[in-house]
């Protein structure tokens, strides 16, 4: 049962909710069901050189001078 992020079209608030089966999410602020699901940034754990663990958001790079989303482009 995943937790999704939504935007309420009626009151313009963002919220998260647990969605089960065919449930229709309702805004906790105004109770409207006129909502749209948002894209969530997923997180993951990456093991660097030497086995150290770093938590990163998807699409970010551990290198300060690198703008690529994957370290395979710069070799680090």
C-alpha atoms as a PDB file:
ATOM      1  CA  UNK A   1       0.000   0.000   0.000  1.00  0.00           C
ATOM      2  CA  UNK A   2       1.936   3.008  -1.249  1.00  0.00           C
ATOM      3  CA  UNK A   3       1.891   6.543   0.061  1.00  0.00           C
ATOM      4  CA  UNK A   4       1.296   9.040  -2.735  1.00  0.00           C
ATOM      5  CA  UNK A   5       1.606  12.819  -2.905  1.00  0.00           C
ATOM      6  CA  UNK A   6      -1.353  14.822  -4.212  1.00  0.00           C
ATOM      7  CA  UNK A   7      -2.267  18.421  -5.038  1.00  0.00           C
ATOM      8  CA  UNK A   8      -5.777  19.664  -4.227  1.00  0.00           C
ATOM      9  CA  UNK A   9      -7.232  21.649  -7.106  1.00  0.00           C
ATOM     10  CA  UNK A  10      -9.835  23.272  -4.837  1.00  0.00           C
ATOM     11  CA  UNK A  11      -7.704  24.680  -1.982  1.00  0.00           C
ATOM     12  CA  UNK A  12      -4.244  24.513  -3.675  1.00  0.00           C
ATOM     13  CA  UNK A  13      -2.643  22.429  -0.883  1.00  0.00           C
ATOM     14  CA  UNK A  14      -0.255  19.476  -1.284  1.00  0.00           C
ATOM     15  CA  UNK A  15      -0.639  16.392   0.898  1.00  0.00           C
ATOM     16  CA  UNK A  16       0.435  12.762   1.263  1.00  0.00           C
ATOM     17  CA  UNK A  17      -1.914   9.868   1.872  1.00  0.00           C
ATOM     18  CA  UNK A  18      -1.903   6.091   2.006  1.00  0.00           C
ATOM     19  CA  UNK A  19      -3.920   4.688  -0.902  1.00  0.00           C
ATOM     20  CA  UNK A  20      -5.529   1.256  -0.587  1.00  0.00           C
ATOM     21  CA  UNK A  21      -7.018  -0.503  -3.599  1.00  0.00           C
ATOM     22  CA  UNK A  22      -9.604   1.622  -5.394  1.00  0.00           C
ATOM     23  CA  UNK A  23      -9.759   4.336  -2.716  1.00  0.00           C
ATOM     24  CA  UNK A  24     -10.258   7.876  -3.983  1.00  0.00           C
ATOM     25  CA  UNK A  25      -8.039  10.267  -1.994  1.00  0.00           C
ATOM     26  CA  UNK A  26      -9.592  13.337  -0.379  1.00  0.00           C
ATOM     27  CA  UNK A  27      -7.806  16.507   0.674  1.00  0.00           C
ATOM     28  CA  UNK A  28      -7.423  16.572   4.470  1.00  0.00           C
ATOM     29  CA  UNK A  29      -7.823  20.377   4.500  1.00  0.00           C
ATOM     30  CA  UNK A  30     -11.054  20.810   2.504  1.00  0.00           C
ATOM     31  CA  UNK A  31     -12.234  17.189   1.913  1.00  0.00           C
ATOM     32  CA  UNK A  32     -12.343  17.702  -1.882  1.00  0.00           C
ATOM     33  CA  UNK A  33     -11.676  14.684  -4.103  1.00  0.00           C
ATOM     34  CA  UNK A  34     -10.673  16.955  -7.024  1.00  0.00           C
ATOM     35  CA  UNK A  35      -6.976  16.129  -6.659  1.00  0.00           C
ATOM     36  CA  UNK A  36      -4.067  15.280  -8.951  1.00  0.00           C
ATOM     37  CA  UNK A  37      -1.218  12.924  -8.112  1.00  0.00           C
ATOM     38  CA  UNK A  38       2.255  14.485  -8.018  1.00  0.00           C
ATOM     39  CA  UNK A  39       5.538  12.987  -9.134  1.00  0.00           C
ATOM     40  CA  UNK A  40       7.574  12.129  -6.071  1.00  0.00           C
ATOM     41  CA  UNK A  41      11.341  12.276  -5.839  1.00  0.00           C
ATOM     42  CA  UNK A  42      12.483   8.860  -4.771  1.00  0.00           C
ATOM     43  CA  UNK A  43      15.489   8.356  -2.562  1.00  0.00           C
ATOM     44  CA  UNK A  44      18.060   5.592  -2.688  1.00  0.00           C
ATOM     45  CA  UNK A  45      21.239   4.483  -0.954  1.00  0.00           C
ATOM     46  CA  UNK A  46      24.473   4.478  -2.911  1.00  0.00           C
ATOM     47  CA  UNK A  47      27.686   2.764  -1.828  1.00  0.00           C
ATOM     48  CA  UNK A  48      30.729   4.827  -2.700  1.00  0.00           C
ATOM     49  CA  UNK A  49      34.396   3.942  -2.888  1.00  0.00           C
ATOM     50  CA  UNK A  50      35.501   2.041   0.190  1.00  0.00           C
ATOM     51  CA  UNK A  51      31.966   0.899   0.980  1.00  0.00           C
ATOM     52  CA  UNK A  52      30.752   4.109   2.657  1.00  0.00           C
ATOM     53  CA  UNK A  53      27.030   4.597   2.345  1.00  0.00           C
ATOM     54  CA  UNK A  54      25.506   7.850   1.186  1.00  0.00           C
ATOM     55  CA  UNK A  55      21.797   8.654   0.905  1.00  0.00           C
ATOM     56  CA  UNK A  56      20.956  10.651  -2.220  1.00  0.00           C
ATOM     57  CA  UNK A  57      17.905  11.819  -4.076  1.00  0.00           C
ATOM     58  CA  UNK A  58      17.430  10.475  -7.583  1.00  0.00           C
ATOM     59  CA  UNK A  59      19.041  12.623 -10.250  1.00  0.00           C
ATOM     60  CA  UNK A  60      21.742  14.050  -8.013  1.00  0.00           C
ATOM     61  CA  UNK A  61      25.470  13.526  -8.250  1.00  0.00           C
ATOM     62  CA  UNK A  62      27.997  13.001  -5.458  1.00  0.00           C
ATOM     63  CA  UNK A  63      30.577  15.074  -7.359  1.00  0.00           C
ATOM     64  CA  UNK A  64      30.511  18.808  -6.751  1.00  0.00           C
ATOM     65  CA  UNK A  65      31.707  19.631 -10.268  1.00  0.00           C
ATOM     66  CA  UNK A  66      29.523  17.107 -12.055  1.00  0.00           C
ATOM     67  CA  UNK A  67      26.079  17.981 -13.394  1.00  0.00           C
ATOM     68  CA  UNK A  68      25.217  14.481 -14.633  1.00  0.00           C
ATOM     69  CA  UNK A  69      22.639  12.344 -12.854  1.00  0.00           C
ATOM     70  CA  UNK A  70      24.935   9.334 -13.015  1.00  0.00           C
ATOM     71  CA  UNK A  71      28.547   9.121 -11.844  1.00  0.00           C
ATOM     72  CA  UNK A  72      29.360   6.786 -14.738  1.00  0.00           C
ATOM     73  CA  UNK A  73      29.821   9.867 -16.942  1.00  0.00           C
ATOM     74  CA  UNK A  74      32.729  11.271 -14.906  1.00  0.00           C
ATOM     75  CA  UNK A  75      34.200   8.045 -13.517  1.00  0.00           C
ATOM     76  CA  UNK A  76      33.612   8.780  -9.822  1.00  0.00           C
END
